[in-house]
Amino acid sequence: MVRFALPQDAEAINVLRKEVNDLHVAGRPNHFKAGFGKELQDHVYMYLAGGFGYAAVDEVDGEIIGMVMVDYIDRPESPYRYAERFAHVAEICVDEKHRRQGVGKRLLDFVKADAKAKGFSRIELDVWAFNDALAFYEAEGYTVFRRFLELPLNE
């Protein structure tokens, strides 16, 4: 069952967030810092407080097996862009032993339902090139609309 997260879910959410952090550190050790200290752990409380977004969890038999943290983005019109409101998936993780069982789909379906209910124009998420989740996102209907490229100068 996917539901909005509660403050008492913070510890379980952070177990999953550490998995995400470790994946990023392994994939881009020159970019992401190793460790999952208090400042990173406390970040979840901004999502639990609501307002600018939320955290949601997938819970089965009292165990949290997946989580998603979502930002609500409200950009005013500017000289070069139209105003827009959309949801941004900031973090998502399914516990390793529960992957490929529909948990990620349930989490993204929850995000989609919430975004539609709020009248948002779309959902955005970003994924690092080393992350094999891209195929999953594409299977869920997400498409590439922008690419970031880099030219390392110190390698």
Protein backbone atom coordinates (compact mmCIF):
# COMPACT_ATOMS: atom_id res chain seq x y z
CA MET A 1 0.00 0.00 0.00
CA VAL A 2 1.41 3.39 -0.97
CA ARG A 3 0.63 6.24 1.38
CA PHE A 4 1.95 9.62 2.41
CA ALA A 5 4.82 9.15 4.84
CA LEU A 6 4.55 9.97 8.52
CA PRO A 7 7.27 11.29 10.84
CA GLN A 8 7.68 7.83 12.37
CA ASP A 9 8.67 6.54 8.90
CA ALA A 10 11.82 8.69 8.77
CA GLU A 11 14.21 5.97 9.93
CA ALA A 12 12.95 3.41 7.40
CA ILE A 13 12.96 6.02 4.63
CA ASN A 14 16.56 6.87 5.47
CA VAL A 15 17.59 3.21 5.21
CA LEU A 16 16.37 3.35 1.60
CA ARG A 17 17.85 6.79 0.99
CA LYS A 18 21.23 5.46 2.09
CA GLU A 19 20.94 2.81 -0.67
CA VAL A 20 20.39 5.64 -3.17
CA ASN A 21 23.28 7.64 -1.73
CA ASP A 22 25.62 4.63 -1.87
CA LEU A 23 24.64 4.01 -5.51
CA HIS A 24 25.47 7.62 -6.37
CA VAL A 25 28.78 7.52 -4.51
CA ALA A 26 29.76 4.32 -6.34
CA GLY A 27 28.67 5.73 -9.70
CA ARG A 28 30.25 9.19 -9.36
CA PRO A 29 32.77 9.14 -6.50
CA ASN A 30 34.28 12.39 -7.78
CA HIS A 31 30.90 14.11 -7.40
CA PHE A 32 29.11 12.54 -4.40
CA LYS A 33 30.54 12.31 -0.90
CA ALA A 34 30.67 8.96 0.85
CA GLY A 35 28.75 8.52 4.07
CA PHE A 36 25.21 9.29 5.10
CA GLY A 37 25.58 11.66 8.03
CA LYS A 38 23.05 13.52 10.13
CA GLU A 39 22.60 16.42 7.70
CA LEU A 40 21.62 14.05 4.89
CA GLN A 41 19.42 12.02 7.24
CA ASP A 42 17.63 15.14 8.48
CA HIS A 43 16.79 16.18 4.90
CA VAL A 44 13.81 13.80 4.96
CA TYR A 45 12.07 15.92 7.61
CA MET A 46 11.55 18.75 5.10
CA TYR A 47 9.52 16.34 2.98
CA LEU A 48 7.64 14.95 5.97
CA ALA A 49 6.64 18.48 6.97
CA GLY A 50 4.98 19.02 3.58
CA GLY A 51 4.32 22.33 1.96
CA PHE A 52 6.76 22.24 -0.93
CA GLY A 53 6.33 18.53 -1.59
CA TYR A 54 6.02 15.24 0.26
CA ALA A 55 7.42 11.81 0.97
CA ALA A 56 5.42 8.65 0.34
CA VAL A 57 6.12 5.03 1.17
CA ASP A 58 5.05 1.61 -0.01
CA GLU A 59 4.33 -0.51 3.03
CA VAL A 60 3.65 -4.25 3.06
CA ASP A 61 2.87 -6.07 6.30
CA GLY A 62 4.21 -3.16 8.34
CA GLU A 63 7.52 -3.04 6.43
CA ILE A 64 8.44 -0.03 4.29
CA ILE A 65 9.79 -1.49 1.06
CA GLY A 66 9.90 1.63 -1.12
CA MET A 67 9.86 5.39 -0.86
CA VAL A 68 9.60 8.47 -3.04
CA MET A 69 10.26 12.12 -2.24
CA VAL A 70 8.59 14.70 -4.47
CA ASP A 71 9.04 18.45 -4.89
CA TYR A 72 6.22 20.71 -6.06
CA ILE A 73 7.70 23.18 -8.55
CA ASP A 74 5.91 26.44 -9.29
CA ARG A 75 7.82 28.58 -11.81
CA PRO A 76 6.46 31.99 -12.70
CA GLU A 77 6.49 33.25 -16.25
CA SER A 78 9.71 34.91 -17.36
CA PRO A 79 10.84 36.60 -20.57
CA TYR A 80 11.96 33.25 -21.97
CA ARG A 81 9.62 30.71 -20.31
CA TYR A 82 5.92 30.26 -19.70
CA ALA A 83 4.71 29.76 -16.14
CA GLU A 84 4.47 26.14 -15.13
CA ARG A 85 3.60 23.93 -12.20
CA PHE A 86 4.87 20.39 -12.05
CA ALA A 87 6.01 17.64 -9.72
CA HIS A 88 9.66 16.59 -9.54
CA VAL A 89 10.67 13.17 -8.25
CA ALA A 90 13.68 14.10 -6.11
CA GLU A 91 14.44 10.62 -4.76
CA ILE A 92 12.95 7.17 -5.24
CA CYS A 93 14.12 3.81 -3.97
CA VAL A 94 12.80 0.28 -3.75
CA ASP A 95 14.49 -2.04 -1.27
CA GLU A 96 16.80 -4.35 -3.19
CA LYS A 97 14.98 -7.54 -2.17
CA HIS A 98 11.63 -6.14 -3.42
CA ARG A 99 12.73 -4.88 -6.84
CA ARG A 100 11.01 -6.01 -10.02
CA GLN A 101 7.79 -6.72 -8.10
CA GLY A 102 5.78 -3.61 -9.02
CA VAL A 103 6.80 -1.44 -6.06
CA GLY A 104 8.40 1.27 -8.20
CA LYS A 105 5.36 1.33 -10.46
CA ARG A 106 3.04 1.73 -7.46
CA LEU A 107 5.16 4.62 -6.18
CA LEU A 108 5.17 6.39 -9.55
CA ASP A 109 1.43 5.78 -9.96
CA PHE A 110 0.90 7.47 -6.58
CA VAL A 111 3.00 10.45 -7.73
CA LYS A 112 1.00 10.61 -10.98
CA ALA A 113 -2.36 10.56 -9.18
CA ASP A 114 -1.24 13.29 -6.78
CA ALA A 115 0.16 15.45 -9.60
CA LYS A 116 -3.04 15.09 -11.64
CA ALA A 117 -5.18 15.95 -8.60
CA LYS A 118 -3.16 19.12 -8.11
CA GLY A 119 -3.50 20.11 -11.77
CA PHE A 120 0.23 19.92 -12.52
CA SER A 121 1.33 19.93 -16.14
CA ARG A 122 3.79 17.05 -15.82
CA ILE A 123 6.14 15.02 -13.65
CA GLU A 124 9.88 15.36 -14.02
CA LEU A 125 12.64 13.17 -12.74
CA ASP A 126 16.32 12.94 -13.49
CA VAL A 127 18.58 9.92 -13.54
CA TRP A 128 22.35 9.63 -13.67
CA ALA A 129 23.82 7.84 -16.69
CA PHE A 130 25.28 5.08 -14.46
CA ASN A 131 21.86 4.24 -12.97
CA ASP A 132 20.18 1.29 -14.69
CA ALA A 133 16.75 2.57 -13.59
CA LEU A 134 16.44 4.48 -16.88
CA ALA A 135 14.86 1.46 -18.59
CA PHE A 136 12.26 1.26 -15.83
CA TYR A 137 11.38 4.95 -16.15
CA GLU A 138 11.06 4.63 -19.92
CA ALA A 139 8.81 1.58 -19.48
CA GLU A 140 6.62 3.77 -17.24
CA GLY A 141 6.23 6.30 -20.07
CA TYR A 142 8.89 8.85 -19.11
CA THR A 143 10.79 10.30 -22.07
CA VAL A 144 14.01 12.24 -22.37
CA PHE A 145 13.34 15.94 -22.92
CA ARG A 146 16.72 17.37 -21.97
CA ARG A 147 20.27 16.05 -21.72
CA PHE A 148 23.21 17.28 -19.70
CA LEU A 149 26.65 16.69 -21.16
CA GLU A 150 30.07 17.21 -19.65
CA LEU A 151 33.66 17.45 -20.75
CA PRO A 152 35.98 16.45 -17.89
CA LEU A 153 39.10 18.60 -17.97
CA ASN A 154 41.16 16.97 -15.27
CA GLU A 155 41.21 13.34 -16.38
